PDB file of N, CA and C in Angstrom:
ATOM      1  N   MET A   1     166.449  34.799-110.790  1.00  0.00           N
ATOM      2  CA  MET A   1     165.487  35.888-110.796  1.00  0.00           C
ATOM      3  C   MET A   1     165.326  36.406-109.377  1.00  0.00           C
ATOM      4  N   PHE A   2     164.904  37.631-109.257  1.00  0.00           N
ATOM      5  CA  PHE A   2     164.706  38.248-107.963  1.00  0.00           C
ATOM      6  C   PHE A   2     163.421  37.711-107.362  1.00  0.00           C
ATOM      7  N   ALA A   3     163.478  37.225-106.158  1.00  0.00           N
ATOM      8  CA  ALA A   3     162.271  36.705-105.522  1.00  0.00           C
ATOM      9  C   ALA A   3     162.448  36.707-104.016  1.00  0.00           C
ATOM     10  N   VAL A   4     161.335  36.680-103.325  1.00  0.00           N
ATOM     11  CA  VAL A   4     161.326  36.580-101.873  1.00  0.00           C
ATOM     12  C   VAL A   4     160.968  35.145-101.521  1.00  0.00           C
ATOM     13  N   ARG A   5     161.766  34.515-100.687  1.00  0.00           N
ATOM     14  CA  ARG A   5     161.444  33.162-100.238  1.00  0.00           C
ATOM     15  C   ARG A   5     160.278  33.211 -99.264  1.00  0.00           C
ATOM     16  N   ASP A   6     159.507  32.124 -99.203  1.00  0.00           N
ATOM     17  CA  ASP A   6     158.350  32.060 -98.309  1.00  0.00           C
ATOM     18  C   ASP A   6     158.725  32.492 -96.897  1.00  0.00           C
ATOM     19  N   GLY A   7     157.914  33.362 -96.321  1.00  0.00           N
ATOM     20  CA  GLY A   7     158.108  33.789 -94.948  1.00  0.00           C
ATOM     21  C   GLY A   7     159.106  34.915 -94.769  1.00  0.00           C
ATOM     22  N   GLU A   8     159.782  35.320 -95.862  1.00  0.00           N
ATOM     23  CA  GLU A   8     160.758  36.409 -95.725  1.00  0.00           C
ATOM     24  C   GLU A   8     160.064  37.758 -95.861  1.00  0.00           C
ATOM     25  N   PRO A   9     160.619  38.780 -95.224  1.00  0.00           N
ATOM     26  CA  PRO A   9     160.055  40.124 -95.345  1.00  0.00           C
ATOM     27  C   PRO A   9     160.462  40.750 -96.686  1.00  0.00           C
ATOM     28  N   ASN A  10     159.987  41.953 -96.921  1.00  0.00           N
ATOM     29  CA  ASN A  10     160.388  42.703 -98.116  1.00  0.00           C
ATOM     30  C   ASN A  10     161.905  42.791 -98.168  1.00  0.00           C
ATOM     31  N   GLN A  11     162.416  42.864 -99.395  1.00  0.00           N
ATOM     32  CA  GLN A  11     163.863  42.978 -99.562  1.00  0.00           C
ATOM     33  C   GLN A  11     164.170  44.064-100.582  1.00  0.00           C
ATOM     34  N   TYR A  12     165.125  44.930-100.254  1.00  0.00           N
ATOM     35  CA  TYR A  12     165.670  45.872-101.236  1.00  0.00           C
ATOM     36  C   TYR A  12     167.172  45.673-101.252  1.00  0.00           C
ATOM     37  N   ARG A  13     167.716  45.514-102.434  1.00  0.00           N
ATOM     38  CA  ARG A  13     169.166  45.379-102.593  1.00  0.00           C
ATOM     39  C   ARG A  13     169.626  46.321-103.688  1.00  0.00           C
ATOM     40  N   GLU A  14     170.619  47.123-103.372  1.00  0.00           N
ATOM     41  CA  GLU A  14     171.208  48.001-104.380  1.00  0.00           C
ATOM     42  C   GLU A  14     172.273  47.208-105.134  1.00  0.00           C
ATOM     43  N   HIS A  15     172.276  47.341-106.467  1.00  0.00           N
ATOM     44  CA  HIS A  15     173.225  46.598-107.299  1.00  0.00           C
ATOM     45  C   HIS A  15     174.216  47.511-108.017  1.00  0.00           C
ATOM     46  N   VAL A  16     173.801  48.741-108.326  1.00  0.00           N
ATOM     47  CA  VAL A  16     174.645  49.681-109.059  1.00  0.00           C
ATOM     48  C   VAL A  16     174.487  51.055-108.433  1.00  0.00           C
ATOM     49  N   ARG A  17     175.595  51.761-108.279  1.00  0.00           N
ATOM     50  CA  ARG A  17     175.553  53.145-107.793  1.00  0.00           C
ATOM     51  C   ARG A  17     176.597  53.935-108.556  1.00  0.00           C
ATOM     52  N   SER A  18     176.168  55.068-109.089  1.00  0.00           N
ATOM     53  CA  SER A  18     177.088  55.993-109.738  1.00  0.00           C
ATOM     54  C   SER A  18     176.776  57.391-109.225  1.00  0.00           C
ATOM     55  N   ARG A  19     177.439  58.357-109.761  1.00  0.00           N
ATOM     56  CA  ARG A  19     177.219  59.741-109.341  1.00  0.00           C
ATOM     57  C   ARG A  19     175.800  60.209-109.668  1.00  0.00           C
ATOM     58  N   ASP A  20     175.207  59.648-110.731  1.00  0.00           N
ATOM     59  CA  ASP A  20     173.927  60.148-111.220  1.00  0.00           C
ATOM     60  C   ASP A  20     172.714  59.272-110.936  1.00  0.00           C
ATOM     61  N   LEU A  21     172.930  57.992-110.584  1.00  0.00           N
ATOM     62  CA  LEU A  21     171.780  57.115-110.341  1.00  0.00           C
ATOM     63  C   LEU A  21     172.190  55.913-109.509  1.00  0.00           C
ATOM     64  N   SER A  22     171.170  55.214-108.996  1.00  0.00           N
ATOM     65  CA  SER A  22     171.396  53.914-108.363  1.00  0.00           C
ATOM     66  C   SER A  22     170.306  52.977-108.855  1.00  0.00           C
ATOM     67  N   VAL A  23     170.651  51.682-108.923  1.00  0.00           N
ATOM     68  CA  VAL A  23     169.725  50.665-109.417  1.00  0.00           C
ATOM     69  C   VAL A  23     169.704  49.528-108.411  1.00  0.00           C
ATOM     70  N   GLY A  24     168.507  49.103-108.064  1.00  0.00           N
ATOM     71  CA  GLY A  24     168.373  48.002-107.121  1.00  0.00           C
ATOM     72  C   GLY A  24     167.192  47.131-107.472  1.00  0.00           C
ATOM     73  N   THR A  25     166.964  46.111-106.670  1.00  0.00           N
ATOM     74  CA  THR A  25     165.794  45.253-106.808  1.00  0.00           C
ATOM     75  C   THR A  25     165.002  45.331-105.520  1.00  0.00           C
ATOM     76  N   TYR A  26     163.686  45.337-105.659  1.00  0.00           N
ATOM     77  CA  TYR A  26     162.781  45.422-104.515  1.00  0.00           C
ATOM     78  C   TYR A  26     161.755  44.313-104.662  1.00  0.00           C
ATOM     79  N   CYS A  27     161.608  43.504-103.630  1.00  0.00           N
ATOM     80  CA  CYS A  27     160.679  42.375-103.639  1.00  0.00           C
ATOM     81  C   CYS A  27     159.733  42.470-102.445  1.00  0.00           C
ATOM     82  N   ILE A  28     158.448  42.232-102.721  1.00  0.00           N
ATOM     83  CA  ILE A  28     157.419  42.217-101.671  1.00  0.00           C
ATOM     84  C   ILE A  28     156.641  40.910-101.841  1.00  0.00           C
ATOM     85  N   PRO A  29     156.572  40.079-100.801  1.00  0.00           N
ATOM     86  CA  PRO A  29     155.828  38.825-100.926  1.00  0.00           C
ATOM     87  C   PRO A  29     154.316  39.060-100.900  1.00  0.00           C
ATOM     88  N   VAL A  30     153.566  38.057-101.357  1.00  0.00           N
ATOM     89  CA  VAL A  30     152.108  38.114-101.299  1.00  0.00           C
ATOM     90  C   VAL A  30     151.681  38.504 -99.887  1.00  0.00           C
ATOM     91  N   GLY A  31     150.792  39.476 -99.793  1.00  0.00           N
ATOM     92  CA  GLY A  31     150.302  39.922 -98.492  1.00  0.00           C
ATOM     93  C   GLY A  31     151.263  40.823 -97.751  1.00  0.00           C
ATOM     94  N   GLY A  32     152.437  41.082 -98.329  1.00  0.00           N
ATOM     95  CA  GLY A  32     153.436  41.926 -97.668  1.00  0.00           C
ATOM     96  C   GLY A  32     152.985  43.377 -97.613  1.00  0.00           C
ATOM     97  N   LYS A  33     153.562  44.101 -96.686  1.00  0.00           N
ATOM     98  CA  LYS A  33     153.246  45.519 -96.498  1.00  0.00           C
ATOM     99  C   LYS A  33     154.430  46.360 -96.950  1.00  0.00           C
ATOM    100  N   ASP A  34     154.169  47.309 -97.815  1.00  0.00           N
ATOM    101  CA  ASP A  34     155.200  48.219 -98.318  1.00  0.00           C
ATOM    102  C   ASP A  34     155.290  49.409 -97.385  1.00  0.00           C
ATOM    103  N   GLY A  35     156.368  49.514 -96.642  1.00  0.00           N
ATOM    104  CA  GLY A  35     156.523  50.575 -95.651  1.00  0.00           C
ATOM    105  C   GLY A  35     157.313  51.762 -96.158  1.00  0.00           C
ATOM    106  N   GLN A  36     157.281  52.012 -97.457  1.00  0.00           N
ATOM    107  CA  GLN A  36     158.063  53.115 -98.017  1.00  0.00           C
ATOM    108  C   GLN A  36     157.584  54.471 -97.517  1.00  0.00           C
ATOM    109  N   HIS A  37     158.487  55.406 -97.578  1.00  0.00           N
ATOM    110  CA  HIS A  37     158.194  56.808 -97.318  1.00  0.00           C
ATOM    111  C   HIS A  37     158.620  57.573 -98.560  1.00  0.00           C
ATOM    112  N   PRO A  38     158.151  58.795 -98.756  1.00  0.00           N
ATOM    113  CA  PRO A  38     158.580  59.544 -99.941  1.00  0.00           C
ATOM    114  C   PRO A  38     160.095  59.702 -99.972  1.00  0.00           C
ATOM    115  N   HIS A  39     160.652  59.549-101.155  1.00  0.00           N
ATOM    116  CA  HIS A  39     162.102  59.707-101.337  1.00  0.00           C
ATOM    117  C   HIS A  39     162.384  61.089-101.919  1.00  0.00           C
ATOM    118  N   ALA A  40     163.569  61.581-101.672  1.00  0.00           N
ATOM    119  CA  ALA A  40     163.980  62.882-102.195  1.00  0.00           C
ATOM    120  C   ALA A  40     164.487  62.773-103.636  1.00  0.00           C
ATOM    121  N   GLU A  41     164.492  61.546-104.175  1.00  0.00           N
ATOM    122  CA  GLU A  41     164.990  61.303-105.528  1.00  0.00           C
ATOM    123  C   GLU A  41     163.847  60.789-106.406  1.00  0.00           C
ATOM    124  N   ASP A  42     163.931  61.042-107.710  1.00  0.00           N
ATOM    125  CA  ASP A  42     162.984  60.449-108.649  1.00  0.00           C
ATOM    126  C   ASP A  42     163.198  58.939-108.665  1.00  0.00           C
ATOM    127  N   GLU A  43     162.107  58.194-108.930  1.00  0.00           N
ATOM    128  CA  GLU A  43     162.190  56.729-108.997  1.00  0.00           C
ATOM    129  C   GLU A  43     161.481  56.213-110.237  1.00  0.00           C
ATOM    130  N   VAL A  44     162.012  55.139-110.795  1.00  0.00           N
ATOM    131  CA  VAL A  44     161.353  54.388-111.850  1.00  0.00           C
ATOM    132  C   VAL A  44     161.326  52.944-111.400  1.00  0.00           C
ATOM    133  N   TYR A  45     160.138  52.331-111.469  1.00  0.00           N
ATOM    134  CA  TYR A  45     159.963  50.914-111.133  1.00  0.00           C
ATOM    135  C   TYR A  45     159.676  50.155-112.422  1.00  0.00           C
ATOM    136  N   LEU A  46     160.350  49.030-112.614  1.00  0.00           N
ATOM    137  CA  LEU A  46     160.051  48.098-113.695  1.00  0.00           C
ATOM    138  C   LEU A  46     159.642  46.789-113.037  1.00  0.00           C
ATOM    139  N   VAL A  47     158.378  46.410-113.194  1.00  0.00           N
ATOM    140  CA  VAL A  47     157.887  45.179-112.575  1.00  0.00           C
ATOM    141  C   VAL A  47     158.351  43.988-113.411  1.00  0.00           C
ATOM    142  N   VAL A  48     159.113  43.108-112.780  1.00  0.00           N
ATOM    143  CA  VAL A  48     159.630  41.919-113.449  1.00  0.00           C
ATOM    144  C   VAL A  48     158.640  40.765-113.314  1.00  0.00           C
ATOM    145  N   ARG A  49     158.069  40.627-112.126  1.00  0.00           N
ATOM    146  CA  ARG A  49     157.059  39.593-111.890  1.00  0.00           C
ATOM    147  C   ARG A  49     156.163  40.001-110.739  1.00  0.00           C
ATOM    148  N   GLY A  50     154.989  39.383-110.679  1.00  0.00           N
ATOM    149  CA  GLY A  50     154.044  39.662-109.611  1.00  0.00           C
ATOM    150  C   GLY A  50     152.981  40.662-110.010  1.00  0.00           C
ATOM    151  N   ARG A  51     152.050  40.866-109.091  1.00  0.00           N
ATOM    152  CA  ARG A  51     150.946  41.804-109.328  1.00  0.00           C
ATOM    153  C   ARG A  51     150.607  42.534-108.027  1.00  0.00           C
ATOM    154  N   ALA A  52     150.262  43.804-108.174  1.00  0.00           N
ATOM    155  CA  ALA A  52     149.903  44.630-107.020  1.00  0.00           C
ATOM    156  C   ALA A  52     149.224  45.894-107.533  1.00  0.00           C
ATOM    157  N   THR A  53     148.883  46.758-106.598  1.00  0.00           N
ATOM    158  CA  THR A  53     148.378  48.088-106.918  1.00  0.00           C
ATOM    159  C   THR A  53     149.366  49.091-106.348  1.00  0.00           C
ATOM    160  N   LEU A  54     149.732  50.076-107.156  1.00  0.00           N
ATOM    161  CA  LEU A  54     150.583  51.164-106.674  1.00  0.00           C
ATOM    162  C   LEU A  54     149.670  52.340-106.358  1.00  0.00           C
ATOM    163  N   ARG A  55     149.650  52.719-105.096  1.00  0.00           N
ATOM    164  CA  ARG A  55     148.846  53.853-104.639  1.00  0.00           C
ATOM    165  C   ARG A  55     149.771  55.067-104.628  1.00  0.00           C
ATOM    166  N   CYS A  56     149.438  56.075-105.430  1.00  0.00           N
ATOM    167  CA  CYS A  56     150.243  57.308-105.549  1.00  0.00           C
ATOM    168  C   CYS A  56     149.358  58.517-105.287  1.00  0.00           C
ATOM    169  N   GLU A  57     149.982  59.662-105.305  1.00  0.00           N
ATOM    170  CA  GLU A  57     149.227  60.898-105.106  1.00  0.00           C
ATOM    171  C   GLU A  57     148.230  61.133-106.232  1.00  0.00           C
ATOM    172  N   ASP A  58     148.498  60.582-107.438  1.00  0.00           N
ATOM    173  CA  ASP A  58     147.585  60.793-108.566  1.00  0.00           C
ATOM    174  C   ASP A  58     146.582  59.656-108.740  1.00  0.00           C
ATOM    175  N   GLY A  59     146.510  58.720-107.795  1.00  0.00           N
ATOM    176  CA  GLY A  59     145.524  57.648-107.871  1.00  0.00           C
ATOM    177  C   GLY A  59     146.137  56.275-107.664  1.00  0.00           C
ATOM    178  N   GLU A  60     145.399  55.251-108.080  1.00  0.00           N
ATOM    179  CA  GLU A  60     145.851  53.875-107.941  1.00  0.00           C
ATOM    180  C   GLU A  60     146.064  53.271-109.318  1.00  0.00           C
ATOM    181  N   HIS A  61     147.125  52.480-109.445  1.00  0.00           N
ATOM    182  CA  HIS A  61     147.491  51.884-110.726  1.00  0.00           C
ATOM    183  C   HIS A  61     147.802  50.410-110.514  1.00  0.00           C
ATOM    184  N   ARG A  62     147.121  49.528-111.254  1.00  0.00           N
ATOM    185  CA  ARG A  62     147.445  48.104-111.217  1.00  0.00           C
ATOM    186  C   ARG A  62     148.760  47.908-111.950  1.00  0.00           C
ATOM    187  N   VAL A  63     149.650  47.107-111.365  1.00  0.00           N
ATOM    188  CA  VAL A  63     150.932  46.820-111.998  1.00  0.00           C
ATOM    189  C   VAL A  63     151.134  45.312-112.080  1.00  0.00           C
ATOM    190  N   GLY A  64     151.855  44.903-113.104  1.00  0.00           N
ATOM    191  CA  GLY A  64     152.184  43.507-113.324  1.00  0.00           C
ATOM    192  C   GLY A  64     153.426  43.437-114.196  1.00  0.00           C
ATOM    193  N   PRO A  65     153.829  42.243-114.595  1.00  0.00           N
ATOM    194  CA  PRO A  65     155.051  42.095-115.385  1.00  0.00           C
ATOM    195  C   PRO A  65     155.081  43.035-116.595  1.00  0.00           C
ATOM    196  N   GLY A  66     156.174  43.775-116.714  1.00  0.00           N
ATOM    197  CA  GLY A  66     156.345  44.725-117.806  1.00  0.00           C
ATOM    198  C   GLY A  66     155.889  46.135-117.484  1.00  0.00           C
ATOM    199  N   SER A  67     155.171  46.336-116.388  1.00  0.00           N
ATOM    200  CA  SER A  67     154.752  47.691-116.016  1.00  0.00           C
ATOM    201  C   SER A  67     155.966  48.537-115.667  1.00  0.00           C
ATOM    202  N   VAL A  68     155.949  49.776-116.145  1.00  0.00           N
ATOM    203  CA  VAL A  68     156.990  50.752-115.818  1.00  0.00           C
ATOM    204  C   VAL A  68     156.286  51.959-115.220  1.00  0.00           C
ATOM    205  N   VAL A  69     156.709  52.372-114.022  1.00  0.00           N
ATOM    206  CA  VAL A  69     156.055  53.463-113.309  1.00  0.00           C
ATOM    207  C   VAL A  69     157.103  54.485-112.873  1.00  0.00           C
ATOM    208  N   TYR A  70     156.793  55.755-113.099  1.00  0.00           N
ATOM    209  CA  TYR A  70     157.654  56.856-112.653  1.00  0.00           C
ATOM    210  C   TYR A  70     157.015  57.506-111.433  1.00  0.00           C
ATOM    211  N   VAL A  71     157.816  57.704-110.380  1.00  0.00           N
ATOM    212  CA  VAL A  71     157.351  58.382-109.170  1.00  0.00           C
ATOM    213  C   VAL A  71     158.273  59.582-108.939  1.00  0.00           C
ATOM    214  N   PRO A  72     157.751  60.804-109.064  1.00  0.00           N
ATOM    215  CA  PRO A  72     158.587  61.984-108.849  1.00  0.00           C
ATOM    216  C   PRO A  72     159.070  62.095-107.399  1.00  0.00           C
ATOM    217  N   ALA A  73     160.203  62.724-107.236  1.00  0.00           N
ATOM    218  CA  ALA A  73     160.763  62.959-105.904  1.00  0.00           C
ATOM    219  C   ALA A  73     159.717  63.607-105.015  1.00  0.00           C
ATOM    220  N   GLY A  74     159.616  63.105-103.790  1.00  0.00           N
ATOM    221  CA  GLY A  74     158.719  63.681-102.799  1.00  0.00           C
ATOM    222  C   GLY A  74     157.296  63.156-102.818  1.00  0.00           C
ATOM    223  N   ASP A  75     156.898  62.435-103.877  1.00  0.00           N
ATOM    224  CA  ASP A  75     155.527  61.920-103.941  1.00  0.00           C
ATOM    225  C   ASP A  75     155.345  60.719-103.018  1.00  0.00           C
ATOM    226  N   ARG A  76     154.230  60.711-102.298  1.00  0.00           N
ATOM    227  CA  ARG A  76     153.888  59.554-101.471  1.00  0.00           C
ATOM    228  C   ARG A  76     153.462  58.420-102.395  1.00  0.00           C
ATOM    229  N   HIS A  77     153.913  57.204-102.101  1.00  0.00           N
ATOM    230  CA  HIS A  77     153.544  56.044-102.910  1.00  0.00           C
ATOM    231  C   HIS A  77     153.717  54.782-102.083  1.00  0.00           C
ATOM    232  N   GLN A  78     152.925  53.783-102.420  1.00  0.00           N
ATOM    233  CA  GLN A  78     152.975  52.527-101.670  1.00  0.00           C
ATOM    234  C   GLN A  78     152.349  51.428-102.527  1.00  0.00           C
ATOM    235  N   PHE A  79     152.999  50.264-102.524  1.00  0.00           N
ATOM    236  CA  PHE A  79     152.427  49.096-103.186  1.00  0.00           C
ATOM    237  C   PHE A  79     151.488  48.411-102.197  1.00  0.00           C
ATOM    238  N   VAL A  80     150.256  48.161-102.627  1.00  0.00           N
ATOM    239  CA  VAL A  80     149.244  47.512-101.795  1.00  0.00           C
ATOM    240  C   VAL A  80     148.633  46.357-102.587  1.00  0.00           C
ATOM    241  N   ASP A  81     147.846  45.538-101.894  1.00  0.00           N
ATOM    242  CA  ASP A  81     147.146  44.424-102.550  1.00  0.00           C
ATOM    243  C   ASP A  81     148.088  43.572-103.395  1.00  0.00           C
ATOM    244  N   VAL A  82     149.199  43.149-102.798  1.00  0.00           N
ATOM    245  CA  VAL A  82     150.153  42.293-103.506  1.00  0.00           C
ATOM    246  C   VAL A  82     149.529  40.900-103.598  1.00  0.00           C
ATOM    247  N   THR A  83     149.125  40.515-104.821  1.00  0.00           N
ATOM    248  CA  THR A  83     148.432  39.244-105.010  1.00  0.00           C
ATOM    249  C   THR A  83     149.356  38.139-105.515  1.00  0.00           C
ATOM    250  N   ASP A  84     150.487  38.502-106.108  1.00  0.00           N
ATOM    251  CA  ASP A  84     151.535  37.568-106.537  1.00  0.00           C
ATOM    252  C   ASP A  84     152.852  38.197-106.110  1.00  0.00           C
ATOM    253  N   ASP A  85     153.795  37.369-105.607  1.00  0.00           N
ATOM    254  CA  ASP A  85     155.086  37.910-105.161  1.00  0.00           C
ATOM    255  C   ASP A  85     155.597  38.928-106.172  1.00  0.00           C
ATOM    256  N   LEU A  86     155.888  40.123-105.692  1.00  0.00           N
ATOM    257  CA  LEU A  86     156.263  41.249-106.530  1.00  0.00           C
ATOM    258  C   LEU A  86     157.781  41.409-106.543  1.00  0.00           C
ATOM    259  N   SER A  87     158.366  41.448-107.744  1.00  0.00           N
ATOM    260  CA  SER A  87     159.806  41.662-107.914  1.00  0.00           C
ATOM    261  C   SER A  87     159.996  42.773-108.933  1.00  0.00           C
ATOM    262  N   MET A  88     160.765  43.802-108.548  1.00  0.00           N
ATOM    263  CA  MET A  88     160.919  44.981-109.395  1.00  0.00           C
ATOM    264  C   MET A  88     162.369  45.433-109.457  1.00  0.00           C
ATOM    265  N   VAL A  89     162.718  46.047-110.569  1.00  0.00           N
ATOM    266  CA  VAL A  89     163.969  46.786-110.689  1.00  0.00           C
ATOM    267  C   VAL A  89     163.612  48.236-110.371  1.00  0.00           C
ATOM    268  N   VAL A  90     164.416  48.877-109.535  1.00  0.00           N
ATOM    269  CA  VAL A  90     164.156  50.255-109.114  1.00  0.00           C
ATOM    270  C   VAL A  90     165.357  51.115-109.480  1.00  0.00           C
ATOM    271  N   VAL A  91     165.090  52.225-110.175  1.00  0.00           N
ATOM    272  CA  VAL A  91     166.140  53.170-110.539  1.00  0.00           C
ATOM    273  C   VAL A  91     165.860  54.479-109.804  1.00  0.00           C
ATOM    274  N   PHE A  92     166.847  54.967-109.073  1.00  0.00           N
ATOM    275  CA  PHE A  92     166.770  56.259-108.396  1.00  0.00           C
ATOM    276  C   PHE A  92     167.700  57.233-109.118  1.00  0.00           C
ATOM    277  N   SER A  93     167.244  58.470-109.293  1.00  0.00           N
ATOM    278  CA  SER A  93     168.103  59.496-109.864  1.00  0.00           C
ATOM    279  C   SER A  93     167.816  60.811-109.151  1.00  0.00           C
ATOM    280  N   PRO A  94     168.828  61.430-108.543  1.00  0.00           N
ATOM    281  CA  PRO A  94     170.174  60.898-108.322  1.00  0.00           C
ATOM    282  C   PRO A  94     170.105  59.654-107.423  1.00  0.00           C
ATOM    283  N   PRO A  95     171.248  59.061-107.057  1.00  0.00           N
ATOM    284  CA  PRO A  95     171.230  57.838-106.262  1.00  0.00           C
ATOM    285  C   PRO A  95     170.401  57.973-104.982  1.00  0.00           C
ATOM    286  N   GLU A  96     169.782  56.854-104.584  1.00  0.00           N
ATOM    287  CA  GLU A  96     168.978  56.852-103.360  1.00  0.00           C
ATOM    288  C   GLU A  96     169.785  57.424-102.200  1.00  0.00           C
ATOM    289  N   GLY A  97     169.182  58.355-101.478  1.00  0.00           N
ATOM    290  CA  GLY A  97     169.818  58.969-100.317  1.00  0.00           C
ATOM    291  C   GLY A  97     170.750  60.120-100.633  1.00  0.00           C
ATOM    292  N   ALA A  98     170.975  60.418-101.904  1.00  0.00           N
ATOM    293  CA  ALA A  98     171.926  61.470-102.289  1.00  0.00           C
ATOM    294  C   ALA A  98     171.463  62.866-101.877  1.00  0.00           C
ATOM    295  N   ARG A  99     170.165  63.036-101.773  1.00  0.00           N
ATOM    296  CA  ARG A  99     169.632  64.351-101.407  1.00  0.00           C
ATOM    297  C   ARG A  99     169.281  64.438 -99.927  1.00  0.00           C
ATOM    298  N   GLY A 100     169.685  63.431 -99.175  1.00  0.00           N
ATOM    299  CA  GLY A 100     169.482  63.468 -97.738  1.00  0.00           C
ATOM    300  C   GLY A 100     168.188  63.086 -97.235  1.00  0.00           C
TER     301      GLY A 100
END
């Protein structure tokens, strides 16, 4: 399973890339800081394990195992209040970085 070992920083790993999308895993340990910036691509997060709050332009949303969240391209978003190590599958469309 995707997880962050004690004392490790956030981790993002891309696992699949095609012309139309990319899929990766993103892990944030308890107390970790999410330093994301808005992406030029749409994103979907599927929380596999852990708990946190996703702060978006439309408000704050508690997330936990099974949560699925869509973040439109260009929207500011950040995971905060990580209370259990957070592990997510992330889908970008088009692939992350494709729009520069």
